[in-house]
Amino acid sequence: MRGLLIVTSSSAVPEEGVAFDPALGWRLHHQVAVRPEPFGALLYHFGTRKLSFLKNRTIVDVVNTLSDHPDVRSACRAVGIDDAQQAPYLQALGVLARSKMLVPQ
């Protein structure tokens, strides 16, 4: 599965930030709002004014439940993504982390 995330606005090139490590716990930044949409969701960061599109409901479920899990991989497993299928999801979550939509717990 490719293309789980479309990053737009000024975040077309992700900024350098905290290195994304799926073995750690992550959560949405407190200034990020998630708006569900038929295609997935829109994420808007009120601090940076960045807008991101999540292109399916599974990645939305992962993002919304990250803070309930000790690490990213267990959050993926909890929504039904087995280890062999996690690569595109981890890539999308890494983009969100670099654009400061996600922060370490």
PDB file of N, CA and C in Angstrom:
ATOM      1  N   MET A   1       0.839  -1.166   0.000  1.00  0.00           N
ATOM      2  CA  MET A   1       0.000   0.000   0.000  1.00  0.00           C
ATOM      3  C   MET A   1       0.888   1.235   0.000  1.00  0.00           C
ATOM      4  N   ARG A   2       0.738   2.098  -0.983  1.00  0.00           N
ATOM      5  CA  ARG A   2       1.571   3.294  -1.091  1.00  0.00           C
ATOM      6  C   ARG A   2       0.711   4.514  -0.915  1.00  0.00           C
ATOM      7  N   GLY A   3       1.344   5.607  -0.576  1.00  0.00           N
ATOM      8  CA  GLY A   3       0.667   6.879  -0.543  1.00  0.00           C
ATOM      9  C   GLY A   3      -0.392   7.005   0.537  1.00  0.00           C
ATOM     10  N   LEU A   4      -0.048   6.724   1.781  1.00  0.00           N
ATOM     11  CA  LEU A   4      -1.003   6.843   2.872  1.00  0.00           C
ATOM     12  C   LEU A   4      -1.185   8.281   3.311  1.00  0.00           C
ATOM     13  N   LEU A   5      -0.239   9.120   2.938  1.00  0.00           N
ATOM     14  CA  LEU A   5      -0.207  10.476   3.449  1.00  0.00           C
ATOM     15  C   LEU A   5       0.111  11.435   2.328  1.00  0.00           C
ATOM     16  N   ILE A   6      -0.605  12.532   2.294  1.00  0.00           N
ATOM     17  CA  ILE A   6      -0.258  13.632   1.400  1.00  0.00           C
ATOM     18  C   ILE A   6       0.013  14.811   2.305  1.00  0.00           C
ATOM     19  N   VAL A   7       1.196  15.369   2.244  1.00  0.00           N
ATOM     20  CA  VAL A   7       1.524  16.535   3.039  1.00  0.00           C
ATOM     21  C   VAL A   7       1.504  17.728   2.100  1.00  0.00           C
ATOM     22  N   THR A   8       0.769  18.753   2.484  1.00  0.00           N
ATOM     23  CA  THR A   8       0.659  19.922   1.625  1.00  0.00           C
ATOM     24  C   THR A   8       1.019  21.172   2.398  1.00  0.00           C
ATOM     25  N   SER A   9       0.660  22.293   1.860  1.00  0.00           N
ATOM     26  CA  SER A   9       0.972  23.622   2.362  1.00  0.00           C
ATOM     27  C   SER A   9       2.483  23.757   2.434  1.00  0.00           C
ATOM     28  N   SER A  10       3.000  24.413   3.461  1.00  0.00           N
ATOM     29  CA  SER A  10       4.434  24.663   3.524  1.00  0.00           C
ATOM     30  C   SER A  10       5.223  23.439   3.945  1.00  0.00           C
ATOM     31  N   SER A  11       4.564  22.309   4.161  1.00  0.00           N
ATOM     32  CA  SER A  11       5.269  21.124   4.639  1.00  0.00           C
ATOM     33  C   SER A  11       5.599  20.137   3.532  1.00  0.00           C
ATOM     34  N   ALA A  12       5.625  20.583   2.294  1.00  0.00           N
ATOM     35  CA  ALA A  12       5.947  19.684   1.191  1.00  0.00           C
ATOM     36  C   ALA A  12       7.320  19.054   1.391  1.00  0.00           C
ATOM     37  N   VAL A  13       8.243  19.794   1.976  1.00  0.00           N
ATOM     38  CA  VAL A  13       9.539  19.249   2.337  1.00  0.00           C
ATOM     39  C   VAL A  13       9.584  19.208   3.855  1.00  0.00           C
ATOM     40  N   PRO A  14       9.568  18.007   4.444  1.00  0.00           N
ATOM     41  CA  PRO A  14       9.549  17.911   5.898  1.00  0.00           C
ATOM     42  C   PRO A  14      10.742  18.612   6.532  1.00  0.00           C
ATOM     43  N   GLU A  15      10.484  19.234   7.686  1.00  0.00           N
ATOM     44  CA  GLU A  15      11.539  19.908   8.424  1.00  0.00           C
ATOM     45  C   GLU A  15      12.325  18.894   9.237  1.00  0.00           C
ATOM     46  N   GLU A  16      13.523  19.288   9.588  1.00  0.00           N
ATOM     47  CA  GLU A  16      14.297  18.452  10.489  1.00  0.00           C
ATOM     48  C   GLU A  16      13.733  18.631  11.889  1.00  0.00           C
ATOM     49  N   GLY A  17      13.552  17.570  12.579  1.00  0.00           N
ATOM     50  CA  GLY A  17      13.033  17.608  13.936  1.00  0.00           C
ATOM     51  C   GLY A  17      13.571  16.412  14.683  1.00  0.00           C
ATOM     52  N   VAL A  18      12.818  15.956  15.635  1.00  0.00           N
ATOM     53  CA  VAL A  18      13.193  14.782  16.392  1.00  0.00           C
ATOM     54  C   VAL A  18      13.173  13.578  15.456  1.00  0.00           C
ATOM     55  N   ALA A  19      14.192  12.758  15.539  1.00  0.00           N
ATOM     56  CA  ALA A  19      14.251  11.558  14.690  1.00  0.00           C
ATOM     57  C   ALA A  19      13.115  10.615  15.071  1.00  0.00           C
ATOM     58  N   PHE A  20      12.396  10.137  14.079  1.00  0.00           N
ATOM     59  CA  PHE A  20      11.276   9.237  14.310  1.00  0.00           C
ATOM     60  C   PHE A  20      11.792   7.837  14.594  1.00  0.00           C
ATOM     61  N   ASP A  21      11.388   7.294  15.732  1.00  0.00           N
ATOM     62  CA  ASP A  21      11.773   5.940  16.125  1.00  0.00           C
ATOM     63  C   ASP A  21      10.503   5.179  16.482  1.00  0.00           C
ATOM     64  N   PRO A  22      10.094   4.195  15.672  1.00  0.00           N
ATOM     65  CA  PRO A  22       8.859   3.463  15.952  1.00  0.00           C
ATOM     66  C   PRO A  22       8.909   2.593  17.206  1.00  0.00           C
ATOM     67  N   ALA A  23      10.075   2.453  17.789  1.00  0.00           N
ATOM     68  CA  ALA A  23      10.182   1.694  19.034  1.00  0.00           C
ATOM     69  C   ALA A  23       9.813   2.547  20.249  1.00  0.00           C
ATOM     70  N   LEU A  24       9.582   3.841  20.018  1.00  0.00           N
ATOM     71  CA  LEU A  24       9.225   4.762  21.100  1.00  0.00           C
ATOM     72  C   LEU A  24       7.748   5.119  21.025  1.00  0.00           C
ATOM     73  N   GLY A  25       7.253   5.725  22.089  1.00  0.00           N
ATOM     74  CA  GLY A  25       5.881   6.213  22.123  1.00  0.00           C
ATOM     75  C   GLY A  25       5.777   7.592  21.496  1.00  0.00           C
ATOM     76  N   TRP A  26       4.715   7.826  20.739  1.00  0.00           N
ATOM     77  CA  TRP A  26       4.457   9.103  20.085  1.00  0.00           C
ATOM     78  C   TRP A  26       3.001   9.483  20.319  1.00  0.00           C
ATOM     79  N   ARG A  27       2.692  10.753  20.102  1.00  0.00           N
ATOM     80  CA  ARG A  27       1.324  11.246  20.215  1.00  0.00           C
ATOM     81  C   ARG A  27       1.162  12.448  19.301  1.00  0.00           C
ATOM     82  N   LEU A  28      -0.079  12.831  19.071  1.00  0.00           N
ATOM     83  CA  LEU A  28      -0.332  14.050  18.309  1.00  0.00           C
ATOM     84  C   LEU A  28       0.145  15.251  19.107  1.00  0.00           C
ATOM     85  N   HIS A  29       0.695  16.216  18.427  1.00  0.00           N
ATOM     86  CA  HIS A  29       1.054  17.478  19.065  1.00  0.00           C
ATOM     87  C   HIS A  29      -0.232  18.102  19.603  1.00  0.00           C
ATOM     88  N   HIS A  30      -0.156  18.780  20.737  1.00  0.00           N
ATOM     89  CA  HIS A  30      -1.367  19.334  21.347  1.00  0.00           C
ATOM     90  C   HIS A  30      -2.025  20.425  20.492  1.00  0.00           C
ATOM     91  N   GLN A  31      -1.310  20.974  19.511  1.00  0.00           N
ATOM     92  CA  GLN A  31      -1.884  21.996  18.639  1.00  0.00           C
ATOM     93  C   GLN A  31      -2.408  21.421  17.320  1.00  0.00           C
ATOM     94  N   VAL A  32      -2.501  20.107  17.219  1.00  0.00           N
ATOM     95  CA  VAL A  32      -2.976  19.468  15.986  1.00  0.00           C
ATOM     96  C   VAL A  32      -4.425  19.027  16.155  1.00  0.00           C
ATOM     97  N   ALA A  33      -5.237  19.404  15.180  1.00  0.00           N
ATOM     98  CA  ALA A  33      -6.635  18.974  15.132  1.00  0.00           C
ATOM     99  C   ALA A  33      -6.792  17.952  14.016  1.00  0.00           C
ATOM    100  N   VAL A  34      -7.591  16.924  14.279  1.00  0.00           N
ATOM    101  CA  VAL A  34      -7.869  15.883  13.292  1.00  0.00           C
ATOM    102  C   VAL A  34      -9.334  16.016  12.884  1.00  0.00           C
ATOM    103  N   ARG A  35      -9.549  16.182  11.585  1.00  0.00           N
ATOM    104  CA  ARG A  35     -10.919  16.257  11.076  1.00  0.00           C
ATOM    105  C   ARG A  35     -11.174  15.054  10.181  1.00  0.00           C
ATOM    106  N   PRO A  36     -12.039  14.140  10.622  1.00  0.00           N
ATOM    107  CA  PRO A  36     -12.349  12.970   9.796  1.00  0.00           C
ATOM    108  C   PRO A  36     -12.987  13.387   8.468  1.00  0.00           C
ATOM    109  N   GLU A  37     -12.628  12.670   7.429  1.00  0.00           N
ATOM    110  CA  GLU A  37     -13.163  12.890   6.091  1.00  0.00           C
ATOM    111  C   GLU A  37     -13.454  11.529   5.479  1.00  0.00           C
ATOM    112  N   PRO A  38     -14.290  11.459   4.437  1.00  0.00           N
ATOM    113  CA  PRO A  38     -14.584  10.170   3.806  1.00  0.00           C
ATOM    114  C   PRO A  38     -13.332   9.433   3.304  1.00  0.00           C
ATOM    115  N   PHE A  39     -12.313  10.171   2.873  1.00  0.00           N
ATOM    116  CA  PHE A  39     -11.089   9.570   2.349  1.00  0.00           C
ATOM    117  C   PHE A  39     -10.100   9.208   3.444  1.00  0.00           C
ATOM    118  N   GLY A  40     -10.291   9.710   4.666  1.00  0.00           N
ATOM    119  CA  GLY A  40      -9.344   9.525   5.758  1.00  0.00           C
ATOM    120  C   GLY A  40      -9.499  10.637   6.772  1.00  0.00           C
ATOM    121  N   ALA A  41      -8.593  11.633   6.702  1.00  0.00           N
ATOM    122  CA  ALA A  41      -8.692  12.766   7.625  1.00  0.00           C
ATOM    123  C   ALA A  41      -7.789  13.900   7.176  1.00  0.00           C
ATOM    124  N   LEU A  42      -8.096  15.073   7.694  1.00  0.00           N
ATOM    125  CA  LEU A  42      -7.233  16.249   7.561  1.00  0.00           C
ATOM    126  C   LEU A  42      -6.610  16.499   8.921  1.00  0.00           C
ATOM    127  N   LEU A  43      -5.333  16.799   8.939  1.00  0.00           N
ATOM    128  CA  LEU A  43      -4.653  17.210  10.162  1.00  0.00           C
ATOM    129  C   LEU A  43      -4.208  18.644   9.967  1.00  0.00           C
ATOM    130  N   TYR A  44      -4.506  19.490  10.935  1.00  0.00           N
ATOM    131  CA  TYR A  44      -4.083  20.888  10.858  1.00  0.00           C
ATOM    132  C   TYR A  44      -3.329  21.230  12.122  1.00  0.00           C
ATOM    133  N   HIS A  45      -2.136  21.785  11.954  1.00  0.00           N
ATOM    134  CA  HIS A  45      -1.312  22.207  13.077  1.00  0.00           C
ATOM    135  C   HIS A  45      -1.494  23.711  13.234  1.00  0.00           C
ATOM    136  N   PHE A  46      -2.125  24.128  14.328  1.00  0.00           N
ATOM    137  CA  PHE A  46      -2.415  25.541  14.540  1.00  0.00           C
ATOM    138  C   PHE A  46      -1.159  26.357  14.797  1.00  0.00           C
ATOM    139  N   GLY A  47      -0.098  25.737  15.272  1.00  0.00           N
ATOM    140  CA  GLY A  47       1.149  26.456  15.521  1.00  0.00           C
ATOM    141  C   GLY A  47       1.955  26.714  14.259  1.00  0.00           C
ATOM    142  N   THR A  48       2.056  25.709  13.411  1.00  0.00           N
ATOM    143  CA  THR A  48       2.869  25.847  12.202  1.00  0.00           C
ATOM    144  C   THR A  48       2.045  26.164  10.963  1.00  0.00           C
ATOM    145  N   ARG A  49       0.718  26.052  11.096  1.00  0.00           N
ATOM    146  CA  ARG A  49      -0.223  26.269   9.989  1.00  0.00           C
ATOM    147  C   ARG A  49      -0.070  25.232   8.874  1.00  0.00           C
ATOM    148  N   LYS A  50       0.449  24.085   9.207  1.00  0.00           N
ATOM    149  CA  LYS A  50       0.612  23.027   8.213  1.00  0.00           C
ATOM    150  C   LYS A  50      -0.650  22.170   8.150  1.00  0.00           C
ATOM    151  N   LEU A  51      -0.934  21.716   6.958  1.00  0.00           N
ATOM    152  CA  LEU A  51      -2.087  20.860   6.706  1.00  0.00           C
ATOM    153  C   LEU A  51      -1.592  19.563   6.095  1.00  0.00           C
ATOM    154  N   SER A  52      -2.060  18.439   6.630  1.00  0.00           N
ATOM    155  CA  SER A  52      -1.717  17.132   6.083  1.00  0.00           C
ATOM    156  C   SER A  52      -2.995  16.356   5.829  1.00  0.00           C
ATOM    157  N   PHE A  53      -2.962  15.528   4.797  1.00  0.00           N
ATOM    158  CA  PHE A  53      -4.077  14.669   4.450  1.00  0.00           C
ATOM    159  C   PHE A  53      -3.674  13.230   4.736  1.00  0.00           C
ATOM    160  N   LEU A  54      -4.499  12.514   5.468  1.00  0.00           N
ATOM    161  CA  LEU A  54      -4.301  11.081   5.669  1.00  0.00           C
ATOM    162  C   LEU A  54      -5.274  10.381   4.736  1.00  0.00           C
ATOM    163  N   LYS A  55      -4.746   9.513   3.888  1.00  0.00           N
ATOM    164  CA  LYS A  55      -5.532   8.988   2.775  1.00  0.00           C
ATOM    165  C   LYS A  55      -6.304   7.705   3.040  1.00  0.00           C
ATOM    166  N   ASN A  56      -6.264   7.173   4.253  1.00  0.00           N
ATOM    167  CA  ASN A  56      -7.145   6.037   4.548  1.00  0.00           C
ATOM    168  C   ASN A  56      -7.459   5.999   6.040  1.00  0.00           C
ATOM    169  N   ARG A  57      -8.503   5.284   6.378  1.00  0.00           N
ATOM    170  CA  ARG A  57      -8.980   5.236   7.758  1.00  0.00           C
ATOM    171  C   ARG A  57      -8.014   4.477   8.674  1.00  0.00           C
ATOM    172  N   THR A  58      -7.254   3.547   8.143  1.00  0.00           N
ATOM    173  CA  THR A  58      -6.342   2.786   8.984  1.00  0.00           C
ATOM    174  C   THR A  58      -5.249   3.678   9.556  1.00  0.00           C
ATOM    175  N   ILE A  59      -4.638   4.518   8.728  1.00  0.00           N
ATOM    176  CA  ILE A  59      -3.602   5.425   9.240  1.00  0.00           C
ATOM    177  C   ILE A  59      -4.207   6.429  10.218  1.00  0.00           C
ATOM    178  N   VAL A  60      -5.452   6.816   9.982  1.00  0.00           N
ATOM    179  CA  VAL A  60      -6.143   7.714  10.915  1.00  0.00           C
ATOM    180  C   VAL A  60      -6.301   7.021  12.267  1.00  0.00           C
ATOM    181  N   ASP A  61      -6.702   5.752  12.252  1.00  0.00           N
ATOM    182  CA  ASP A  61      -6.850   4.999  13.497  1.00  0.00           C
ATOM    183  C   ASP A  61      -5.528   4.902  14.247  1.00  0.00           C
ATOM    184  N   VAL A  62      -4.442   4.672  13.513  1.00  0.00           N
ATOM    185  CA  VAL A  62      -3.120   4.607  14.158  1.00  0.00           C
ATOM    186  C   VAL A  62      -2.795   5.947  14.805  1.00  0.00           C
ATOM    187  N   VAL A  63      -2.938   7.032  14.056  1.00  0.00           N
ATOM    188  CA  VAL A  63      -2.618   8.367  14.575  1.00  0.00           C
ATOM    189  C   VAL A  63      -3.453   8.683  15.817  1.00  0.00           C
ATOM    190  N   ASN A  64      -4.747   8.367  15.752  1.00  0.00           N
ATOM    191  CA  ASN A  64      -5.640   8.687  16.867  1.00  0.00           C
ATOM    192  C   ASN A  64      -5.387   7.857  18.115  1.00  0.00           C
ATOM    193  N   THR A  65      -4.743   6.700  17.978  1.00  0.00           N
ATOM    194  CA  THR A  65      -4.523   5.838  19.141  1.00  0.00           C
ATOM    195  C   THR A  65      -3.061   5.729  19.564  1.00  0.00           C
ATOM    196  N   LEU A  66      -2.176   6.475  18.929  1.00  0.00           N
ATOM    197  CA  LEU A  66      -0.753   6.390  19.277  1.00  0.00           C
ATOM    198  C   LEU A  66      -0.503   6.567  20.772  1.00  0.00           C
ATOM    199  N   SER A  67      -1.149   7.534  21.379  1.00  0.00           N
ATOM    200  CA  SER A  67      -0.875   7.827  22.788  1.00  0.00           C
ATOM    201  C   SER A  67      -1.373   6.730  23.728  1.00  0.00           C
ATOM    202  N   ASP A  68      -2.187   5.806  23.219  1.00  0.00           N
ATOM    203  CA  ASP A  68      -2.682   4.697  24.031  1.00  0.00           C
ATOM    204  C   ASP A  68      -1.709   3.522  24.079  1.00  0.00           C
ATOM    205  N   HIS A  69      -0.599   3.618  23.366  1.00  0.00           N
ATOM    206  CA  HIS A  69       0.321   2.488  23.226  1.00  0.00           C
ATOM    207  C   HIS A  69       1.741   2.902  23.596  1.00  0.00           C
ATOM    208  N   PRO A  70       2.542   1.949  24.056  1.00  0.00           N
ATOM    209  CA  PRO A  70       3.910   2.274  24.471  1.00  0.00           C
ATOM    210  C   PRO A  70       4.853   2.592  23.308  1.00  0.00           C
ATOM    211  N   ASP A  71       4.490   2.134  22.104  1.00  0.00           N
ATOM    212  CA  ASP A  71       5.333   2.399  20.937  1.00  0.00           C
ATOM    213  C   ASP A  71       4.475   2.348  19.677  1.00  0.00           C
ATOM    214  N   VAL A  72       5.044   2.799  18.581  1.00  0.00           N
ATOM    215  CA  VAL A  72       4.315   2.890  17.319  1.00  0.00           C
ATOM    216  C   VAL A  72       3.948   1.515  16.779  1.00  0.00           C
ATOM    217  N   ARG A  73       4.852   0.580  16.874  1.00  0.00           N
ATOM    218  CA  ARG A  73       4.577  -0.754  16.330  1.00  0.00           C
ATOM    219  C   ARG A  73       3.385  -1.419  17.027  1.00  0.00           C
ATOM    220  N   SER A  74       3.273  -1.243  18.333  1.00  0.00           N
ATOM    221  CA  SER A  74       2.127  -1.835  19.028  1.00  0.00           C
ATOM    222  C   SER A  74       0.834  -1.099  18.667  1.00  0.00           C
ATOM    223  N   ALA A  75       0.904   0.185  18.374  1.00  0.00           N
ATOM    224  CA  ALA A  75      -0.278   0.922  17.908  1.00  0.00           C
ATOM    225  C   ALA A  75      -0.724   0.384  16.552  1.00  0.00           C
ATOM    226  N   CYS A  76       0.233   0.099  15.680  1.00  0.00           N
ATOM    227  CA  CYS A  76      -0.093  -0.482  14.368  1.00  0.00           C
ATOM    228  C   CYS A  76      -0.729  -1.850  14.532  1.00  0.00           C
ATOM    229  N   ARG A  77      -0.136  -2.679  15.368  1.00  0.00           N
ATOM    230  CA  ARG A  77      -0.688  -4.025  15.582  1.00  0.00           C
ATOM    231  C   ARG A  77      -2.115  -3.955  16.135  1.00  0.00           C
ATOM    232  N   ALA A  78      -2.371  -2.984  17.003  1.00  0.00           N
ATOM    233  CA  ALA A  78      -3.683  -2.866  17.636  1.00  0.00           C
ATOM    234  C   ALA A  78      -4.797  -2.554  16.637  1.00  0.00           C
ATOM    235  N   VAL A  79      -4.451  -1.916  15.511  1.00  0.00           N
ATOM    236  CA  VAL A  79      -5.473  -1.625  14.492  1.00  0.00           C
ATOM    237  C   VAL A  79      -5.448  -2.630  13.354  1.00  0.00           C
ATOM    238  N   GLY A  80      -4.670  -3.710  13.521  1.00  0.00           N
ATOM    239  CA  GLY A  80      -4.689  -4.796  12.555  1.00  0.00           C
ATOM    240  C   GLY A  80      -3.598  -4.776  11.501  1.00  0.00           C
ATOM    241  N   ILE A  81      -2.565  -3.980  11.692  1.00  0.00           N
ATOM    242  CA  ILE A  81      -1.448  -3.938  10.743  1.00  0.00           C
ATOM    243  C   ILE A  81      -0.342  -4.830  11.299  1.00  0.00           C
ATOM    244  N   ASP A  82      -0.099  -5.961  10.649  1.00  0.00           N
ATOM    245  CA  ASP A  82       0.950  -6.839  11.157  1.00  0.00           C
ATOM    246  C   ASP A  82       2.328  -6.284  10.782  1.00  0.00           C
ATOM    247  N   ASP A  83       3.345  -6.830  11.404  1.00  0.00           N
ATOM    248  CA  ASP A  83       4.703  -6.303  11.240  1.00  0.00           C
ATOM    249  C   ASP A  83       5.146  -6.241   9.774  1.00  0.00           C
ATOM    250  N   ALA A  84       4.770  -7.215   8.984  1.00  0.00           N
ATOM    251  CA  ALA A  84       5.185  -7.265   7.579  1.00  0.00           C
ATOM    252  C   ALA A  84       4.535  -6.162   6.734  1.00  0.00           C
ATOM    253  N   GLN A  85       3.439  -5.589   7.208  1.00  0.00           N
ATOM    254  CA  GLN A  85       2.724  -4.547   6.459  1.00  0.00           C
ATOM    255  C   GLN A  85       2.976  -3.147   6.982  1.00  0.00           C
ATOM    256  N   GLN A  86       3.830  -2.984   7.962  1.00  0.00           N
ATOM    257  CA  GLN A  86       3.981  -1.700   8.641  1.00  0.00           C
ATOM    258  C   GLN A  86       4.821  -0.662   7.902  1.00  0.00           C
ATOM    259  N   ALA A  87       5.657  -1.058   6.976  1.00  0.00           N
ATOM    260  CA  ALA A  87       6.601  -0.118   6.357  1.00  0.00           C
ATOM    261  C   ALA A  87       5.951   1.166   5.821  1.00  0.00           C
ATOM    262  N   PRO A  88       4.891   1.103   5.000  1.00  0.00           N
ATOM    263  CA  PRO A  88       4.327   2.359   4.499  1.00  0.00           C
ATOM    264  C   PRO A  88       3.698   3.204   5.604  1.00  0.00           C
ATOM    265  N   TYR A  89       3.176   2.560   6.631  1.00  0.00           N
ATOM    266  CA  TYR A  89       2.596   3.295   7.744  1.00  0.00           C
ATOM    267  C   TYR A  89       3.689   3.989   8.554  1.00  0.00           C
ATOM    268  N   LEU A  90       4.786   3.290   8.781  1.00  0.00           N
ATOM    269  CA  LEU A  90       5.902   3.896   9.515  1.00  0.00           C
ATOM    270  C   LEU A  90       6.489   5.063   8.731  1.00  0.00           C
ATOM    271  N   GLN A  91       6.558   4.923   7.416  1.00  0.00           N
ATOM    272  CA  GLN A  91       7.056   6.018   6.580  1.00  0.00           C
ATOM    273  C   GLN A  91       6.147   7.243   6.714  1.00  0.00           C
ATOM    274  N   ALA A  92       4.842   7.043   6.640  1.00  0.00           N
ATOM    275  CA  ALA A  92       3.887   8.144   6.768  1.00  0.00           C
ATOM    276  C   ALA A  92       3.966   8.786   8.151  1.00  0.00           C
ATOM    277  N   LEU A  93       4.085   7.970   9.181  1.00  0.00           N
ATOM    278  CA  LEU A  93       4.195   8.504  10.541  1.00  0.00           C
ATOM    279  C   LEU A  93       5.505   9.264  10.724  1.00  0.00           C
ATOM    280  N   GLY A  94       6.561   8.820  10.069  1.00  0.00           N
ATOM    281  CA  GLY A  94       7.832   9.544  10.119  1.00  0.00           C
ATOM    282  C   GLY A  94       7.711  10.921   9.496  1.00  0.00           C
ATOM    283  N   VAL A  95       6.973  11.020   8.402  1.00  0.00           N
ATOM    284  CA  VAL A  95       6.740  12.335   7.772  1.00  0.00           C
ATOM    285  C   VAL A  95       5.973  13.235   8.735  1.00  0.00           C
ATOM    286  N   LEU A  96       4.968  12.678   9.393  1.00  0.00           N
ATOM    287  CA  LEU A  96       4.199  13.471  10.355  1.00  0.00           C
ATOM    288  C   LEU A  96       5.075  13.927  11.524  1.00  0.00           C
ATOM    289  N   ALA A  97       5.981  13.079  11.971  1.00  0.00           N
ATOM    290  CA  ALA A  97       6.877  13.451  13.054  1.00  0.00           C
ATOM    291  C   ALA A  97       7.827  14.563  12.624  1.00  0.00           C
ATOM    292  N   ARG A  98       8.377  14.446  11.405  1.00  0.00           N
ATOM    293  CA  ARG A  98       9.297  15.488  10.919  1.00  0.00           C
ATOM    294  C   ARG A  98       8.578  16.827  10.699  1.00  0.00           C
ATOM    295  N   SER A  99       7.290  16.763  10.390  1.00  0.00           N
ATOM    296  CA  SER A  99       6.541  18.010  10.203  1.00  0.00           C
ATOM    297  C   SER A  99       5.906  18.490  11.503  1.00  0.00           C
ATOM    298  N   LYS A 100       6.262  17.849  12.597  1.00  0.00           N
ATOM    299  CA  LYS A 100       5.858  18.242  13.954  1.00  0.00           C
ATOM    300  C   LYS A 100       4.389  18.025  14.249  1.00  0.00           C
ATOM    301  N   MET A 101       3.718  17.185  13.453  1.00  0.00           N
ATOM    302  CA  MET A 101       2.340  16.810  13.770  1.00  0.00           C
ATOM    303  C   MET A 101       2.331  15.801  14.930  1.00  0.00           C
ATOM    304  N   LEU A 102       3.369  14.961  14.966  1.00  0.00           N
ATOM    305  CA  LEU A 102       3.544  13.986  16.045  1.00  0.00           C
ATOM    306  C   LEU A 102       4.749  14.374  16.885  1.00  0.00           C
ATOM    307  N   VAL A 103       4.655  14.116  18.168  1.00  0.00           N
ATOM    308  CA  VAL A 103       5.763  14.404  19.083  1.00  0.00           C
ATOM    309  C   VAL A 103       5.986  13.183  19.968  1.00  0.00           C
ATOM    310  N   PRO A 104       7.193  13.021  20.502  1.00  0.00           N
ATOM    311  CA  PRO A 104       7.439  11.891  21.408  1.00  0.00           C
ATOM    312  C   PRO A 104       6.567  12.016  22.664  1.00  0.00           C
ATOM    313  N   GLN A 105       6.203  10.858  23.216  1.00  0.00           N
ATOM    314  CA  GLN A 105       5.430  10.869  24.461  1.00  0.00           C
ATOM    315  C   GLN A 105       6.312  11.229  25.623  1.00  0.00           C
TER     316      GLN A 105
END
